[in-house]
Amino acid sequence: MEKTYRYQTHGTCSREIVFTIRDGKITDTHFVGGCNGNLQGVSRLVEGMKPEDAIAKLAGIRCGFKPTSCPDQFSKALTLALEDKETENA
């Protein structure tokens, strides 16, 4: 099973995160806006990971004095995607 998600970020330089969950693994992650090099790194590091594992690593990361960061926002997007997946399969 495969589904692509779009998440509008809040409180970060990036504006949107687009990613796919295919067979329980994260693929094709793209951040719109933000620090290009760092976000390419995050995208490559999570490639092939289970969403639950990525959430555990990314949740709570802050950017400077901001209460959130692009990785933290990605963890929120993944959490919502998992809730959607559970709803679809119910």
PDB file of N, CA and C in Angstrom:
ATOM      1  N   MET A   1       0.840  -1.180   0.000  1.00  0.00           N
ATOM      2  CA  MET A   1       0.000   0.000   0.000  1.00  0.00           C
ATOM      3  C   MET A   1       0.886   1.244   0.000  1.00  0.00           C
ATOM      4  N   GLU A   2       0.422   2.262  -0.663  1.00  0.00           N
ATOM      5  CA  GLU A   2       1.192   3.501  -0.806  1.00  0.00           C
ATOM      6  C   GLU A   2       0.262   4.691  -0.714  1.00  0.00           C
ATOM      7  N   LYS A   3       0.708   5.714   0.027  1.00  0.00           N
ATOM      8  CA  LYS A   3      -0.061   6.954   0.090  1.00  0.00           C
ATOM      9  C   LYS A   3       0.902   8.118   0.262  1.00  0.00           C
ATOM     10  N   THR A   4       0.642   9.202  -0.471  1.00  0.00           N
ATOM     11  CA  THR A   4       1.447  10.405  -0.383  1.00  0.00           C
ATOM     12  C   THR A   4       0.703  11.433   0.462  1.00  0.00           C
ATOM     13  N   TYR A   5       1.453  12.103   1.320  1.00  0.00           N
ATOM     14  CA  TYR A   5       0.886  13.083   2.248  1.00  0.00           C
ATOM     15  C   TYR A   5       1.519  14.442   2.017  1.00  0.00           C
ATOM     16  N   ARG A   6       0.761  15.494   2.295  1.00  0.00           N
ATOM     17  CA  ARG A   6       1.247  16.878   2.276  1.00  0.00           C
ATOM     18  C   ARG A   6       0.938  17.466   3.637  1.00  0.00           C
ATOM     19  N   TYR A   7       1.932  18.103   4.228  1.00  0.00           N
ATOM     20  CA  TYR A   7       1.748  18.695   5.549  1.00  0.00           C
ATOM     21  C   TYR A   7       2.231  20.137   5.511  1.00  0.00           C
ATOM     22  N   GLN A   8       1.365  21.064   5.890  1.00  0.00           N
ATOM     23  CA  GLN A   8       1.728  22.475   5.988  1.00  0.00           C
ATOM     24  C   GLN A   8       2.392  22.688   7.347  1.00  0.00           C
ATOM     25  N   THR A   9       3.649  23.113   7.336  1.00  0.00           N
ATOM     26  CA  THR A   9       4.393  23.281   8.581  1.00  0.00           C
ATOM     27  C   THR A   9       3.954  24.542   9.321  1.00  0.00           C
ATOM     28  N   HIS A  10       4.287  24.598  10.602  1.00  0.00           N
ATOM     29  CA  HIS A  10       3.942  25.732  11.460  1.00  0.00           C
ATOM     30  C   HIS A  10       5.172  26.138  12.263  1.00  0.00           C
ATOM     31  N   GLY A  11       5.558  27.409  12.154  1.00  0.00           N
ATOM     32  CA  GLY A  11       6.653  27.923  12.968  1.00  0.00           C
ATOM     33  C   GLY A  11       8.046  27.596  12.465  1.00  0.00           C
ATOM     34  N   THR A  12       8.169  27.222  11.192  1.00  0.00           N
ATOM     35  CA  THR A  12       9.488  26.900  10.636  1.00  0.00           C
ATOM     36  C   THR A  12       9.705  27.638   9.322  1.00  0.00           C
ATOM     37  N   CYS A  13      10.943  27.617   8.852  1.00  0.00           N
ATOM     38  CA  CYS A  13      11.268  28.235   7.568  1.00  0.00           C
ATOM     39  C   CYS A  13      10.682  27.444   6.402  1.00  0.00           C
ATOM     40  N   SER A  14      10.641  26.125   6.535  1.00  0.00           N
ATOM     41  CA  SER A  14       9.998  25.333   5.477  1.00  0.00           C
ATOM     42  C   SER A  14       8.491  25.568   5.554  1.00  0.00           C
ATOM     43  N   ARG A  15       7.832  25.475   4.414  1.00  0.00           N
ATOM     44  CA  ARG A  15       6.400  25.742   4.351  1.00  0.00           C
ATOM     45  C   ARG A  15       5.563  24.477   4.252  1.00  0.00           C
ATOM     46  N   GLU A  16       6.176  23.420   3.708  1.00  0.00           N
ATOM     47  CA  GLU A  16       5.412  22.206   3.454  1.00  0.00           C
ATOM     48  C   GLU A  16       6.359  21.015   3.408  1.00  0.00           C
ATOM     49  N   ILE A  17       5.823  19.849   3.795  1.00  0.00           N
ATOM     50  CA  ILE A  17       6.563  18.596   3.681  1.00  0.00           C
ATOM     51  C   ILE A  17       5.685  17.640   2.891  1.00  0.00           C
ATOM     52  N   VAL A  18       6.265  17.052   1.855  1.00  0.00           N
ATOM     53  CA  VAL A  18       5.561  16.062   1.042  1.00  0.00           C
ATOM     54  C   VAL A  18       6.336  14.750   1.182  1.00  0.00           C
ATOM     55  N   PHE A  19       5.620  13.688   1.500  1.00  0.00           N
ATOM     56  CA  PHE A  19       6.283  12.398   1.680  1.00  0.00           C
ATOM     57  C   PHE A  19       5.306  11.277   1.372  1.00  0.00           C
ATOM     58  N   THR A  20       5.862  10.106   1.129  1.00  0.00           N
ATOM     59  CA  THR A  20       5.065   8.926   0.836  1.00  0.00           C
ATOM     60  C   THR A  20       5.372   7.858   1.872  1.00  0.00           C
ATOM     61  N   ILE A  21       4.346   7.136   2.271  1.00  0.00           N
ATOM     62  CA  ILE A  21       4.544   5.932   3.072  1.00  0.00           C
ATOM     63  C   ILE A  21       4.146   4.763   2.185  1.00  0.00           C
ATOM     64  N   ARG A  22       5.142   3.931   1.881  1.00  0.00           N
ATOM     65  CA  ARG A  22       4.956   2.788   0.989  1.00  0.00           C
ATOM     66  C   ARG A  22       5.329   1.526   1.757  1.00  0.00           C
ATOM     67  N   ASP A  23       4.373   0.635   1.885  1.00  0.00           N
ATOM     68  CA  ASP A  23       4.607  -0.634   2.595  1.00  0.00           C
ATOM     69  C   ASP A  23       5.209  -0.415   3.987  1.00  0.00           C
ATOM     70  N   GLY A  24       4.696   0.596   4.693  1.00  0.00           N
ATOM     71  CA  GLY A  24       5.136   0.849   6.061  1.00  0.00           C
ATOM     72  C   GLY A  24       6.463   1.559   6.207  1.00  0.00           C
ATOM     73  N   LYS A  25       7.012   2.090   5.096  1.00  0.00           N
ATOM     74  CA  LYS A  25       8.313   2.776   5.126  1.00  0.00           C
ATOM     75  C   LYS A  25       8.186   4.167   4.486  1.00  0.00           C
ATOM     76  N   ILE A  26       8.982   5.107   4.979  1.00  0.00           N
ATOM     77  CA  ILE A  26       8.993   6.468   4.450  1.00  0.00           C
ATOM     78  C   ILE A  26       9.804   6.502   3.159  1.00  0.00           C
ATOM     79  N   THR A  27       9.234   7.125   2.123  1.00  0.00           N
ATOM     80  CA  THR A  27       9.954   7.318   0.861  1.00  0.00           C
ATOM     81  C   THR A  27       9.646   8.711   0.309  1.00  0.00           C
ATOM     82  N   ASP A  28      10.448   9.148  -0.621  1.00  0.00           N
ATOM     83  CA  ASP A  28      10.178  10.354  -1.414  1.00  0.00           C
ATOM     84  C   ASP A  28       9.823  11.574  -0.569  1.00  0.00           C
ATOM     85  N   THR A  29      10.663  11.912   0.399  1.00  0.00           N
ATOM     86  CA  THR A  29      10.415  13.065   1.266  1.00  0.00           C
ATOM     87  C   THR A  29      11.006  14.319   0.648  1.00  0.00           C
ATOM     88  N   HIS A  30      10.190  15.379   0.606  1.00  0.00           N
ATOM     89  CA  HIS A  30      10.629  16.671   0.064  1.00  0.00           C
ATOM     90  C   HIS A  30      10.110  17.787   0.959  1.00  0.00           C
ATOM     91  N   PHE A  31      10.998  18.688   1.347  1.00  0.00           N
ATOM     92  CA  PHE A  31      10.614  19.877   2.098  1.00  0.00           C
ATOM     93  C   PHE A  31      10.549  21.041   1.121  1.00  0.00           C
ATOM     94  N   VAL A  32       9.544  21.893   1.262  1.00  0.00           N
ATOM     95  CA  VAL A  32       9.419  23.098   0.447  1.00  0.00           C
ATOM     96  C   VAL A  32       9.867  24.266   1.314  1.00  0.00           C
ATOM     97  N   GLY A  33      10.926  24.940   0.891  1.00  0.00           N
ATOM     98  CA  GLY A  33      11.497  26.023   1.675  1.00  0.00           C
ATOM     99  C   GLY A  33      12.441  25.468   2.729  1.00  0.00           C
ATOM    100  N   GLY A  34      12.957  26.352   3.550  1.00  0.00           N
ATOM    101  CA  GLY A  34      13.845  25.916   4.626  1.00  0.00           C
ATOM    102  C   GLY A  34      15.297  25.821   4.187  1.00  0.00           C
ATOM    103  N   CYS A  35      16.117  25.254   5.033  1.00  0.00           N
ATOM    104  CA  CYS A  35      17.557  25.114   4.801  1.00  0.00           C
ATOM    105  C   CYS A  35      17.800  23.902   3.900  1.00  0.00           C
ATOM    106  N   ASN A  36      18.007  24.135   2.643  1.00  0.00           N
ATOM    107  CA  ASN A  36      18.037  23.084   1.633  1.00  0.00           C
ATOM    108  C   ASN A  36      18.972  21.928   1.965  1.00  0.00           C
ATOM    109  N   GLY A  37      20.205  22.221   2.313  1.00  0.00           N
ATOM    110  CA  GLY A  37      21.168  21.144   2.595  1.00  0.00           C
ATOM    111  C   GLY A  37      20.759  20.300   3.792  1.00  0.00           C
ATOM    112  N   ASN A  38      20.379  20.948   4.870  1.00  0.00           N
ATOM    113  CA  ASN A  38      19.978  20.212   6.068  1.00  0.00           C
ATOM    114  C   ASN A  38      18.741  19.355   5.803  1.00  0.00           C
ATOM    115  N   LEU A  39      17.802  19.902   5.075  1.00  0.00           N
ATOM    116  CA  LEU A  39      16.557  19.172   4.842  1.00  0.00           C
ATOM    117  C   LEU A  39      16.742  18.041   3.837  1.00  0.00           C
ATOM    118  N   GLN A  40      17.681  18.190   2.915  1.00  0.00           N
ATOM    119  CA  GLN A  40      18.027  17.050   2.057  1.00  0.00           C
ATOM    120  C   GLN A  40      18.617  15.932   2.911  1.00  0.00           C
ATOM    121  N   GLY A  41      19.434  16.323   3.893  1.00  0.00           N
ATOM    122  CA  GLY A  41      20.024  15.330   4.792  1.00  0.00           C
ATOM    123  C   GLY A  41      18.959  14.593   5.586  1.00  0.00           C
ATOM    124  N   VAL A  42      18.008  15.327   6.160  1.00  0.00           N
ATOM    125  CA  VAL A  42      16.913  14.692   6.905  1.00  0.00           C
ATOM    126  C   VAL A  42      16.147  13.747   5.989  1.00  0.00           C
ATOM    127  N   SER A  43      15.840  14.209   4.778  1.00  0.00           N
ATOM    128  CA  SER A  43      15.080  13.389   3.827  1.00  0.00           C
ATOM    129  C   SER A  43      15.798  12.084   3.520  1.00  0.00           C
ATOM    130  N   ARG A  44      17.095  12.148   3.314  1.00  0.00           N
ATOM    131  CA  ARG A  44      17.855  10.928   3.004  1.00  0.00           C
ATOM    132  C   ARG A  44      17.993  10.009   4.212  1.00  0.00           C
ATOM    133  N   LEU A  45      18.126  10.601   5.390  1.00  0.00           N
ATOM    134  CA  LEU A  45      18.289   9.782   6.587  1.00  0.00           C
ATOM    135  C   LEU A  45      17.029   8.982   6.927  1.00  0.00           C
ATOM    136  N   VAL A  46      15.861   9.550   6.656  1.00  0.00           N
ATOM    137  CA  VAL A  46      14.620   8.843   7.004  1.00  0.00           C
ATOM    138  C   VAL A  46      14.157   7.897   5.897  1.00  0.00           C
ATOM    139  N   GLU A  47      14.769   7.974   4.732  1.00  0.00           N
ATOM    140  CA  GLU A  47      14.381   7.113   3.603  1.00  0.00           C
ATOM    141  C   GLU A  47      14.443   5.644   4.021  1.00  0.00           C
ATOM    142  N   GLY A  48      13.328   4.948   3.887  1.00  0.00           N
ATOM    143  CA  GLY A  48      13.261   3.534   4.212  1.00  0.00           C
ATOM    144  C   GLY A  48      12.974   3.231   5.676  1.00  0.00           C
ATOM    145  N   MET A  49      12.885   4.263   6.513  1.00  0.00           N
ATOM    146  CA  MET A  49      12.591   4.052   7.941  1.00  0.00           C
ATOM    147  C   MET A  49      11.094   3.831   8.154  1.00  0.00           C
ATOM    148  N   LYS A  50      10.772   3.140   9.227  1.00  0.00           N
ATOM    149  CA  LYS A  50       9.389   3.065   9.674  1.00  0.00           C
ATOM    150  C   LYS A  50       9.039   4.432  10.259  1.00  0.00           C
ATOM    151  N   PRO A  51       7.830   4.920  10.009  1.00  0.00           N
ATOM    152  CA  PRO A  51       7.447   6.224  10.561  1.00  0.00           C
ATOM    153  C   PRO A  51       7.621   6.311  12.085  1.00  0.00           C
ATOM    154  N   GLU A  52       7.296   5.244  12.797  1.00  0.00           N
ATOM    155  CA  GLU A  52       7.418   5.248  14.256  1.00  0.00           C
ATOM    156  C   GLU A  52       8.857   5.480  14.705  1.00  0.00           C
ATOM    157  N   ASP A  53       9.811   4.921  13.973  1.00  0.00           N
ATOM    158  CA  ASP A  53      11.228   5.099  14.314  1.00  0.00           C
ATOM    159  C   ASP A  53      11.671   6.540  14.047  1.00  0.00           C
ATOM    160  N   ALA A  54      11.216   7.105  12.930  1.00  0.00           N
ATOM    161  CA  ALA A  54      11.574   8.483  12.603  1.00  0.00           C
ATOM    162  C   ALA A  54      10.956   9.444  13.617  1.00  0.00           C
ATOM    163  N   ILE A  55       9.714   9.199  14.017  1.00  0.00           N
ATOM    164  CA  ILE A  55       9.060  10.046  15.018  1.00  0.00           C
ATOM    165  C   ILE A  55       9.868  10.050  16.305  1.00  0.00           C
ATOM    166  N   ALA A  56      10.304   8.875  16.742  1.00  0.00           N
ATOM    167  CA  ALA A  56      11.077   8.761  17.986  1.00  0.00           C
ATOM    168  C   ALA A  56      12.373   9.566  17.919  1.00  0.00           C
ATOM    169  N   LYS A  57      12.994   9.654  16.755  1.00  0.00           N
ATOM    170  CA  LYS A  57      14.260  10.373  16.613  1.00  0.00           C
ATOM    171  C   LYS A  57      14.070  11.883  16.410  1.00  0.00           C
ATOM    172  N   LEU A  58      12.976  12.287  15.759  1.00  0.00           N
ATOM    173  CA  LEU A  58      12.808  13.679  15.349  1.00  0.00           C
ATOM    174  C   LEU A  58      11.953  14.532  16.284  1.00  0.00           C
ATOM    175  N   ALA A  59      11.037  13.922  17.012  1.00  0.00           N
ATOM    176  CA  ALA A  59      10.102  14.683  17.848  1.00  0.00           C
ATOM    177  C   ALA A  59      10.845  15.464  18.925  1.00  0.00           C
ATOM    178  N   GLY A  60      10.464  16.714  19.080  1.00  0.00           N
ATOM    179  CA  GLY A  60      11.010  17.548  20.143  1.00  0.00           C
ATOM    180  C   GLY A  60      12.260  18.324  19.783  1.00  0.00           C
ATOM    181  N   ILE A  61      12.816  18.128  18.593  1.00  0.00           N
ATOM    182  CA  ILE A  61      13.993  18.898  18.178  1.00  0.00           C
ATOM    183  C   ILE A  61      13.562  20.351  17.977  1.00  0.00           C
ATOM    184  N   ARG A  62      14.371  21.267  18.513  1.00  0.00           N
ATOM    185  CA  ARG A  62      14.064  22.694  18.396  1.00  0.00           C
ATOM    186  C   ARG A  62      15.089  23.369  17.494  1.00  0.00           C
ATOM    187  N   CYS A  63      14.692  24.467  16.894  1.00  0.00           N
ATOM    188  CA  CYS A  63      15.578  25.266  16.045  1.00  0.00           C
ATOM    189  C   CYS A  63      15.808  26.608  16.742  1.00  0.00           C
ATOM    190  N   GLY A  64      16.996  26.775  17.291  1.00  0.00           N
ATOM    191  CA  GLY A  64      17.295  28.019  18.001  1.00  0.00           C
ATOM    192  C   GLY A  64      16.317  28.236  19.139  1.00  0.00           C
ATOM    193  N   PHE A  65      15.699  29.410  19.151  1.00  0.00           N
ATOM    194  CA  PHE A  65      14.743  29.747  20.207  1.00  0.00           C
ATOM    195  C   PHE A  65      13.314  29.366  19.846  1.00  0.00           C
ATOM    196  N   LYS A  66      13.120  28.799  18.675  1.00  0.00           N
ATOM    197  CA  LYS A  66      11.772  28.384  18.265  1.00  0.00           C
ATOM    198  C   LYS A  66      11.356  27.143  19.055  1.00  0.00           C
ATOM    199  N   PRO A  67      10.064  26.990  19.300  1.00  0.00           N
ATOM    200  CA  PRO A  67       9.600  25.808  20.034  1.00  0.00           C
ATOM    201  C   PRO A  67       9.528  24.547  19.175  1.00  0.00           C
ATOM    202  N   THR A  68       9.874  24.660  17.901  1.00  0.00           N
ATOM    203  CA  THR A  68       9.789  23.537  16.968  1.00  0.00           C
ATOM    204  C   THR A  68      10.933  23.642  15.964  1.00  0.00           C
ATOM    205  N   SER A  69      10.965  22.729  15.010  1.00  0.00           N
ATOM    206  CA  SER A  69      11.975  22.725  13.941  1.00  0.00           C
ATOM    207  C   SER A  69      11.387  21.965  12.764  1.00  0.00           C
ATOM    208  N   CYS A  70      12.082  21.964  11.657  1.00  0.00           N
ATOM    209  CA  CYS A  70      11.624  21.181  10.506  1.00  0.00           C
ATOM    210  C   CYS A  70      11.564  19.683  10.839  1.00  0.00           C
ATOM    211  N   PRO A  71      12.588  19.111  11.491  1.00  0.00           N
ATOM    212  CA  PRO A  71      12.474  17.706  11.865  1.00  0.00           C
ATOM    213  C   PRO A  71      11.296  17.445  12.821  1.00  0.00           C
ATOM    214  N   ASP A  72      11.077  18.341  13.782  1.00  0.00           N
ATOM    215  CA  ASP A  72       9.950  18.186  14.703  1.00  0.00           C
ATOM    216  C   ASP A  72       8.624  18.254  13.944  1.00  0.00           C
ATOM    217  N   GLN A  73       8.530  19.169  12.995  1.00  0.00           N
ATOM    218  CA  GLN A  73       7.315  19.266  12.189  1.00  0.00           C
ATOM    219  C   GLN A  73       7.106  17.992  11.368  1.00  0.00           C
ATOM    220  N   PHE A  74       8.196  17.414  10.898  1.00  0.00           N
ATOM    221  CA  PHE A  74       8.085  16.160  10.150  1.00  0.00           C
ATOM    222  C   PHE A  74       7.546  15.050  11.054  1.00  0.00           C
ATOM    223  N   SER A  75       7.981  15.042  12.324  1.00  0.00           N
ATOM    224  CA  SER A  75       7.461  14.036  13.251  1.00  0.00           C
ATOM    225  C   SER A  75       5.960  14.212  13.448  1.00  0.00           C
ATOM    226  N   LYS A  76       5.492  15.452  13.482  1.00  0.00           N
ATOM    227  CA  LYS A  76       4.058  15.716  13.617  1.00  0.00           C
ATOM    228  C   LYS A  76       3.311  15.254  12.364  1.00  0.00           C
ATOM    229  N   ALA A  77       3.900  15.498  11.190  1.00  0.00           N
ATOM    230  CA  ALA A  77       3.287  15.057   9.938  1.00  0.00           C
ATOM    231  C   ALA A  77       3.191  13.536   9.891  1.00  0.00           C
ATOM    232  N   LEU A  78       4.237  12.861  10.310  1.00  0.00           N
ATOM    233  CA  LEU A  78       4.238  11.394  10.323  1.00  0.00           C
ATOM    234  C   LEU A  78       3.204  10.848  11.304  1.00  0.00           C
ATOM    235  N   THR A  79       3.075  11.494  12.450  1.00  0.00           N
ATOM    236  CA  THR A  79       2.078  11.081  13.435  1.00  0.00           C
ATOM    237  C   THR A  79       0.677  11.171  12.847  1.00  0.00           C
ATOM    238  N   LEU A  80       0.388  12.280  12.175  1.00  0.00           N
ATOM    239  CA  LEU A  80      -0.927  12.439  11.535  1.00  0.00           C
ATOM    240  C   LEU A  80      -1.131  11.398  10.441  1.00  0.00           C
ATOM    241  N   ALA A  81      -0.079  11.114   9.689  1.00  0.00           N
ATOM    242  CA  ALA A  81      -0.182  10.114   8.619  1.00  0.00           C
ATOM    243  C   ALA A  81      -0.500   8.740   9.204  1.00  0.00           C
ATOM    244  N   LEU A  82       0.119   8.394  10.310  1.00  0.00           N
ATOM    245  CA  LEU A  82      -0.161   7.098  10.935  1.00  0.00           C
ATOM    246  C   LEU A  82      -1.592   7.036  11.447  1.00  0.00           C
ATOM    247  N   GLU A  83      -2.101   8.130  11.981  1.00  0.00           N
ATOM    248  CA  GLU A  83      -3.494   8.161  12.431  1.00  0.00           C
ATOM    249  C   GLU A  83      -4.437   7.974  11.254  1.00  0.00           C
ATOM    250  N   ASP A  84      -4.122   8.590  10.129  1.00  0.00           N
ATOM    251  CA  ASP A  84      -4.922   8.448   8.917  1.00  0.00           C
ATOM    252  C   ASP A  84      -4.902   7.008   8.434  1.00  0.00           C
ATOM    253  N   LYS A  85      -3.716   6.395   8.472  1.00  0.00           N
ATOM    254  CA  LYS A  85      -3.567   5.005   8.038  1.00  0.00           C
ATOM    255  C   LYS A  85      -4.415   4.088   8.907  1.00  0.00           C
ATOM    256  N   GLU A  86      -4.371   4.323  10.222  1.00  0.00           N
ATOM    257  CA  GLU A  86      -5.163   3.490  11.122  1.00  0.00           C
ATOM    258  C   GLU A  86      -6.650   3.655  10.846  1.00  0.00           C
ATOM    259  N   THR A  87      -7.082   4.889  10.537  1.00  0.00           N
ATOM    260  CA  THR A  87      -8.484   5.137  10.241  1.00  0.00           C
ATOM    261  C   THR A  87      -8.904   4.422   8.959  1.00  0.00           C
ATOM    262  N   GLU A  88      -8.036   4.460   7.941  1.00  0.00           N
ATOM    263  CA  GLU A  88      -8.351   3.819   6.667  1.00  0.00           C
ATOM    264  C   GLU A  88      -8.512   2.320   6.831  1.00  0.00           C
ATOM    265  N   ASN A  89      -7.703   1.716   7.672  1.00  0.00           N
ATOM    266  CA  ASN A  89      -7.719   0.267   7.832  1.00  0.00           C
ATOM    267  C   ASN A  89      -8.792  -0.211   8.809  1.00  0.00           C
ATOM    268  N   ALA A  90      -9.472   0.706   9.477  1.00  0.00           N
ATOM    269  CA  ALA A  90     -10.472   0.316  10.474  1.00  0.00           C
ATOM    270  C   ALA A  90     -11.733  -0.246   9.821  1.00  0.00           C
TER     271      ALA A  90
END
